[in-house]
Every structure is written in structure tokens, then in C-alpha cells.
PDB file of all heavy atoms in Angstrom:
ATOM      1  N   ALA A   1       1.651  -9.569  -7.331  1.00  0.00           N
ATOM      2  CA  ALA A   1       1.654  -8.113  -7.095  1.00  0.00           C
ATOM      3  C   ALA A   1       1.248  -7.384  -8.367  1.00  0.00           C
ATOM      4  O   ALA A   1       0.456  -6.419  -8.307  1.00  0.00           O
ATOM      5  CB  ALA A   1       3.066  -7.674  -6.678  1.00  0.00           C
ATOM      6  N   SER A   2       1.702  -7.863  -9.508  1.00  0.00           N
ATOM      7  CA  SER A   2       1.316  -7.206 -10.774  1.00  0.00           C
ATOM      8  C   SER A   2      -0.180  -7.417 -11.073  1.00  0.00           C
ATOM      9  O   SER A   2      -0.885  -6.469 -11.463  1.00  0.00           O
ATOM     10  CB  SER A   2       2.138  -7.784 -11.935  1.00  0.00           C
ATOM     11  OG  SER A   2       3.452  -7.307 -11.943  1.00  0.00           O
ATOM     12  N   ALA A   3      -0.702  -8.635 -10.839  1.00  0.00           N
ATOM     13  CA  ALA A   3      -2.054  -8.940 -11.098  1.00  0.00           C
ATOM     14  C   ALA A   3      -3.001  -8.142 -10.231  1.00  0.00           C
ATOM     15  O   ALA A   3      -3.980  -7.560 -10.701  1.00  0.00           O
ATOM     16  CB  ALA A   3      -2.321 -10.443 -10.924  1.00  0.00           C
ATOM     17  N   PHE A   4      -2.722  -8.051  -8.921  1.00  0.00           N
ATOM     18  CA  PHE A   4      -3.515  -7.328  -8.047  1.00  0.00           C
ATOM     19  C   PHE A   4      -3.436  -5.802  -8.299  1.00  0.00           C
ATOM     20  O   PHE A   4      -4.473  -5.100  -8.231  1.00  0.00           O
ATOM     21  CB  PHE A   4      -3.168  -7.623  -6.562  1.00  0.00           C
ATOM     22  CG  PHE A   4      -4.088  -7.052  -5.569  1.00  0.00           C
ATOM     23  CD1 PHE A   4      -5.468  -7.263  -5.646  1.00  0.00           C
ATOM     24  CD2 PHE A   4      -3.589  -6.280  -4.509  1.00  0.00           C
ATOM     25  CE1 PHE A   4      -6.343  -6.764  -4.713  1.00  0.00           C
ATOM     26  CE2 PHE A   4      -4.481  -5.747  -3.563  1.00  0.00           C
ATOM     27  CZ  PHE A   4      -5.845  -5.963  -3.652  1.00  0.00           C
ATOM     28  N   GLY A   5      -2.250  -5.344  -8.678  1.00  0.00           N
ATOM     29  CA  GLY A   5      -2.070  -3.971  -8.997  1.00  0.00           C
ATOM     30  C   GLY A   5      -2.895  -3.602 -10.253  1.00  0.00           C
ATOM     31  O   GLY A   5      -3.541  -2.534 -10.292  1.00  0.00           O
ATOM     32  N   GLY A   6      -2.866  -4.474 -11.257  1.00  0.00           N
ATOM     33  CA  GLY A   6      -3.636  -4.220 -12.468  1.00  0.00           C
ATOM     34  C   GLY A   6      -5.129  -4.192 -12.190  1.00  0.00           C
ATOM     35  O   GLY A   6      -5.865  -3.367 -12.742  1.00  0.00           O
ATOM     36  N   LEU A   7      -5.586  -5.048 -11.278  1.00  0.00           N
ATOM     37  CA  LEU A   7      -7.002  -5.049 -10.913  1.00  0.00           C
ATOM     38  C   LEU A   7      -7.424  -3.769 -10.241  1.00  0.00           C
ATOM     39  O   LEU A   7      -8.455  -3.158 -10.551  1.00  0.00           O
ATOM     40  CB  LEU A   7      -7.317  -6.254 -10.033  1.00  0.00           C
ATOM     41  CG  LEU A   7      -8.744  -6.377  -9.492  1.00  0.00           C
ATOM     42  CD1 LEU A   7      -9.758  -6.541 -10.628  1.00  0.00           C
ATOM     43  CD2 LEU A   7      -8.866  -7.528  -8.498  1.00  0.00           C
ATOM     44  N   CYS A   8      -6.571  -3.302  -9.317  1.00  0.00           N
ATOM     45  CA  CYS A   8      -6.861  -2.051  -8.588  1.00  0.00           C
ATOM     46  C   CYS A   8      -6.831  -0.883  -9.582  1.00  0.00           C
ATOM     47  O   CYS A   8      -7.687  -0.006  -9.512  1.00  0.00           O
ATOM     48  CB  CYS A   8      -5.798  -1.835  -7.517  1.00  0.00           C
ATOM     49  SG  CYS A   8      -5.968  -2.998  -6.114  1.00  0.00           S
ATOM     50  N   GLY A   9      -5.859  -0.823 -10.485  1.00  0.00           N
ATOM     51  CA  GLY A   9      -5.779   0.266 -11.409  1.00  0.00           C
ATOM     52  C   GLY A   9      -6.948   0.296 -12.345  1.00  0.00           C
ATOM     53  O   GLY A   9      -7.503   1.418 -12.638  1.00  0.00           O
ATOM     54  N   ALA A  10      -7.364  -0.814 -12.844  1.00  0.00           N
ATOM     55  CA  ALA A  10      -8.559  -0.855 -13.743  1.00  0.00           C
ATOM     56  C   ALA A  10      -9.782  -0.404 -13.009  1.00  0.00           C
ATOM     57  O   ALA A  10     -10.639   0.290 -13.573  1.00  0.00           O
ATOM     58  CB  ALA A  10      -8.753  -2.275 -14.291  1.00  0.00           C
ATOM     59  N   THR A  11      -9.927  -0.782 -11.787  1.00  0.00           N
ATOM     60  CA  THR A  11     -11.082  -0.382 -10.979  1.00  0.00           C
ATOM     61  C   THR A  11     -11.066   1.146 -10.732  1.00  0.00           C
ATOM     62  O   THR A  11     -12.060   1.833 -10.818  1.00  0.00           O
ATOM     63  CB  THR A  11     -11.117  -1.076  -9.604  1.00  0.00           C
ATOM     64  OG1 THR A  11     -11.104  -2.500  -9.810  1.00  0.00           O
ATOM     65  CG2 THR A  11     -12.290  -0.678  -8.760  1.00  0.00           C
ATOM     66  N   LEU A  12      -9.847   1.694 -10.441  1.00  0.00           N
ATOM     67  CA  LEU A  12      -9.751   3.129 -10.246  1.00  0.00           C
ATOM     68  C   LEU A  12     -10.153   3.909 -11.513  1.00  0.00           C
ATOM     69  O   LEU A  12     -10.758   4.987 -11.438  1.00  0.00           O
ATOM     70  CB  LEU A  12      -8.317   3.493  -9.823  1.00  0.00           C
ATOM     71  CG  LEU A  12      -7.913   3.132  -8.391  1.00  0.00           C
ATOM     72  CD1 LEU A  12      -6.406   3.392  -8.196  1.00  0.00           C
ATOM     73  CD2 LEU A  12      -8.759   3.895  -7.401  1.00  0.00           C
ATOM     74  N   LEU A  13      -9.754   3.388 -12.664  1.00  0.00           N
ATOM     75  CA  LEU A  13     -10.116   4.058 -13.886  1.00  0.00           C
ATOM     76  C   LEU A  13     -11.619   4.223 -14.068  1.00  0.00           C
ATOM     77  O   LEU A  13     -12.103   5.203 -14.581  1.00  0.00           O
ATOM     78  CB  LEU A  13      -9.555   3.265 -15.077  1.00  0.00           C
ATOM     79  CG  LEU A  13      -9.898   3.822 -16.488  1.00  0.00           C
ATOM     80  CD1 LEU A  13      -9.238   5.150 -16.720  1.00  0.00           C
ATOM     81  CD2 LEU A  13      -9.498   2.830 -17.547  1.00  0.00           C
ATOM     82  N   LEU A  14     -12.318   3.252 -13.565  1.00  0.00           N
ATOM     83  CA  LEU A  14     -13.782   3.231 -13.721  1.00  0.00           C
ATOM     84  C   LEU A  14     -14.523   4.072 -12.676  1.00  0.00           C
ATOM     85  O   LEU A  14     -15.657   4.439 -12.890  1.00  0.00           O
ATOM     86  CB  LEU A  14     -14.329   1.817 -13.728  1.00  0.00           C
ATOM     87  CG  LEU A  14     -13.750   0.905 -14.833  1.00  0.00           C
ATOM     88  CD1 LEU A  14     -14.251  -0.545 -14.671  1.00  0.00           C
ATOM     89  CD2 LEU A  14     -14.161   1.429 -16.232  1.00  0.00           C
ATOM     90  N   VAL A  15     -13.867   4.303 -11.562  1.00  0.00           N
ATOM     91  CA  VAL A  15     -14.603   5.000 -10.439  1.00  0.00           C
ATOM     92  C   VAL A  15     -14.030   6.375 -10.116  1.00  0.00           C
ATOM     93  O   VAL A  15     -14.736   7.128  -9.438  1.00  0.00           O
ATOM     94  CB  VAL A  15     -14.560   4.117  -9.187  1.00  0.00           C
ATOM     95  CG1 VAL A  15     -15.250   2.744  -9.414  1.00  0.00           C
ATOM     96  CG2 VAL A  15     -13.173   3.914  -8.641  1.00  0.00           C
ATOM     97  N   LEU A  16     -12.847   6.720 -10.581  1.00  0.00           N
ATOM     98  CA  LEU A  16     -12.296   8.035 -10.219  1.00  0.00           C
ATOM     99  C   LEU A  16     -12.195   8.902 -11.456  1.00  0.00           C
ATOM    100  O   LEU A  16     -12.061   8.398 -12.608  1.00  0.00           O
ATOM    101  CB  LEU A  16     -10.863   7.855  -9.636  1.00  0.00           C
ATOM    102  CG  LEU A  16     -10.767   7.149  -8.271  1.00  0.00           C
ATOM    103  CD1 LEU A  16      -9.319   7.032  -7.854  1.00  0.00           C
ATOM    104  CD2 LEU A  16     -11.610   7.858  -7.224  1.00  0.00           C
ATOM    105  N   PRO A  17     -12.186  10.231 -11.264  1.00  0.00           N
ATOM    106  CA  PRO A  17     -11.969  11.161 -12.434  1.00  0.00           C
ATOM    107  C   PRO A  17     -10.561  11.017 -12.934  1.00  0.00           C
ATOM    108  O   PRO A  17      -9.627  10.782 -12.174  1.00  0.00           O
ATOM    109  CB  PRO A  17     -12.220  12.563 -11.814  1.00  0.00           C
ATOM    110  CG  PRO A  17     -11.962  12.345 -10.355  1.00  0.00           C
ATOM    111  CD  PRO A  17     -12.421  10.950 -10.012  1.00  0.00           C
ATOM    112  N   ALA A  18     -10.400  11.171 -14.251  1.00  0.00           N
ATOM    113  CA  ALA A  18      -9.072  10.927 -14.861  1.00  0.00           C
ATOM    114  C   ALA A  18      -8.008  11.893 -14.274  1.00  0.00           C
ATOM    115  O   ALA A  18      -6.864  11.520 -14.129  1.00  0.00           O
ATOM    116  CB  ALA A  18      -9.173  11.157 -16.349  1.00  0.00           C
ATOM    117  N   GLU A  19      -8.411  13.112 -13.929  1.00  0.00           N
ATOM    118  CA  GLU A  19      -7.433  14.091 -13.442  1.00  0.00           C
ATOM    119  C   GLU A  19      -6.719  13.650 -12.180  1.00  0.00           C
ATOM    120  O   GLU A  19      -5.595  14.031 -11.915  1.00  0.00           O
ATOM    121  CB  GLU A  19      -8.183  15.399 -13.166  1.00  0.00           C
ATOM    122  CG  GLU A  19      -8.724  16.119 -14.387  1.00  0.00           C
ATOM    123  CD  GLU A  19     -10.068  15.529 -14.813  1.00  0.00           C
ATOM    124  OE1 GLU A  19     -10.580  14.645 -14.083  1.00  0.00           O
ATOM    125  OE2 GLU A  19     -10.589  15.974 -15.832  1.00  0.00           O
ATOM    126  N   ALA A  20      -7.352  12.827 -11.362  1.00  0.00           N
ATOM    127  CA  ALA A  20      -6.770  12.432 -10.083  1.00  0.00           C
ATOM    128  C   ALA A  20      -5.513  11.609 -10.299  1.00  0.00           C
ATOM    129  O   ALA A  20      -4.575  11.774  -9.512  1.00  0.00           O
ATOM    130  CB  ALA A  20      -7.825  11.543  -9.309  1.00  0.00           C
ATOM    131  N   PHE A  21      -5.465  10.784 -11.321  1.00  0.00           N
ATOM    132  CA  PHE A  21      -4.256   9.971 -11.547  1.00  0.00           C
ATOM    133  C   PHE A  21      -3.361  10.620 -12.580  1.00  0.00           C
ATOM    134  O   PHE A  21      -2.149  10.531 -12.514  1.00  0.00           O
ATOM    135  CB  PHE A  21      -4.649   8.584 -11.961  1.00  0.00           C
ATOM    136  CG  PHE A  21      -3.559   7.586 -11.801  1.00  0.00           C
ATOM    137  CD1 PHE A  21      -3.272   7.032 -10.587  1.00  0.00           C
ATOM    138  CD2 PHE A  21      -2.777   7.200 -12.897  1.00  0.00           C
ATOM    139  CE1 PHE A  21      -2.250   6.079 -10.421  1.00  0.00           C
ATOM    140  CE2 PHE A  21      -1.755   6.242 -12.768  1.00  0.00           C
ATOM    141  CZ  PHE A  21      -1.485   5.718 -11.524  1.00  0.00           C
ATOM    142  N   ASP A  22      -3.970  11.256 -13.636  1.00  0.00           N
ATOM    143  CA  ASP A  22      -3.141  11.843 -14.695  1.00  0.00           C
ATOM    144  C   ASP A  22      -2.150  12.881 -14.165  1.00  0.00           C
ATOM    145  O   ASP A  22      -1.088  13.093 -14.770  1.00  0.00           O
ATOM    146  CB  ASP A  22      -4.043  12.545 -15.691  1.00  0.00           C
ATOM    147  CG  ASP A  22      -4.813  11.519 -16.551  1.00  0.00           C
ATOM    148  OD1 ASP A  22      -4.479  10.323 -16.473  1.00  0.00           O
ATOM    149  OD2 ASP A  22      -5.741  11.905 -17.288  1.00  0.00           O
ATOM    150  N   ALA A  23      -2.461  13.504 -13.020  1.00  0.00           N
ATOM    151  CA  ALA A  23      -1.611  14.521 -12.484  1.00  0.00           C
ATOM    152  C   ALA A  23      -0.227  14.011 -12.095  1.00  0.00           C
ATOM    153  O   ALA A  23       0.787  14.726 -12.145  1.00  0.00           O
ATOM    154  CB  ALA A  23      -2.262  15.211 -11.282  1.00  0.00           C
ATOM    155  N   ILE A  24      -0.165  12.714 -11.676  1.00  0.00           N
ATOM    156  CA  ILE A  24       1.113  12.184 -11.236  1.00  0.00           C
ATOM    157  C   ILE A  24       1.833  11.351 -12.296  1.00  0.00           C
ATOM    158  O   ILE A  24       2.971  10.914 -12.094  1.00  0.00           O
ATOM    159  CB  ILE A  24       0.941  11.350  -9.979  1.00  0.00           C
ATOM    160  CG1 ILE A  24       0.191  10.026 -10.273  1.00  0.00           C
ATOM    161  CG2 ILE A  24       0.304  12.094  -8.860  1.00  0.00           C
ATOM    162  CD1 ILE A  24       0.232   9.057  -9.142  1.00  0.00           C
ATOM    163  N   VAL A  25       1.190  11.133 -13.456  1.00  0.00           N
ATOM    164  CA  VAL A  25       1.820  10.322 -14.514  1.00  0.00           C
ATOM    165  C   VAL A  25       3.137  10.913 -14.967  1.00  0.00           C
ATOM    166  O   VAL A  25       4.124  10.167 -15.081  1.00  0.00           O
ATOM    167  CB  VAL A  25       0.838  10.143 -15.700  1.00  0.00           C
ATOM    168  CG1 VAL A  25       1.537   9.562 -16.903  1.00  0.00           C
ATOM    169  CG2 VAL A  25      -0.320   9.277 -15.301  1.00  0.00           C
TER     170      VAL A  25
END
């Protein structure tokens, strides 16, 4: 679960604007 989550998160960093995730941090 950690490995797959890390892969998804890294992919999101490269394809989505930072504001989309930073808002919920």
C-alpha cells in the first residue's frame, strides 16, 4: 500500500498543478 501510494503521489506531482494538492496539506 505504501509503495503503490508513493508511485501515485510521485506521478501526481509531475502531472498536476501544485495548488491542487497543497490546499489540503
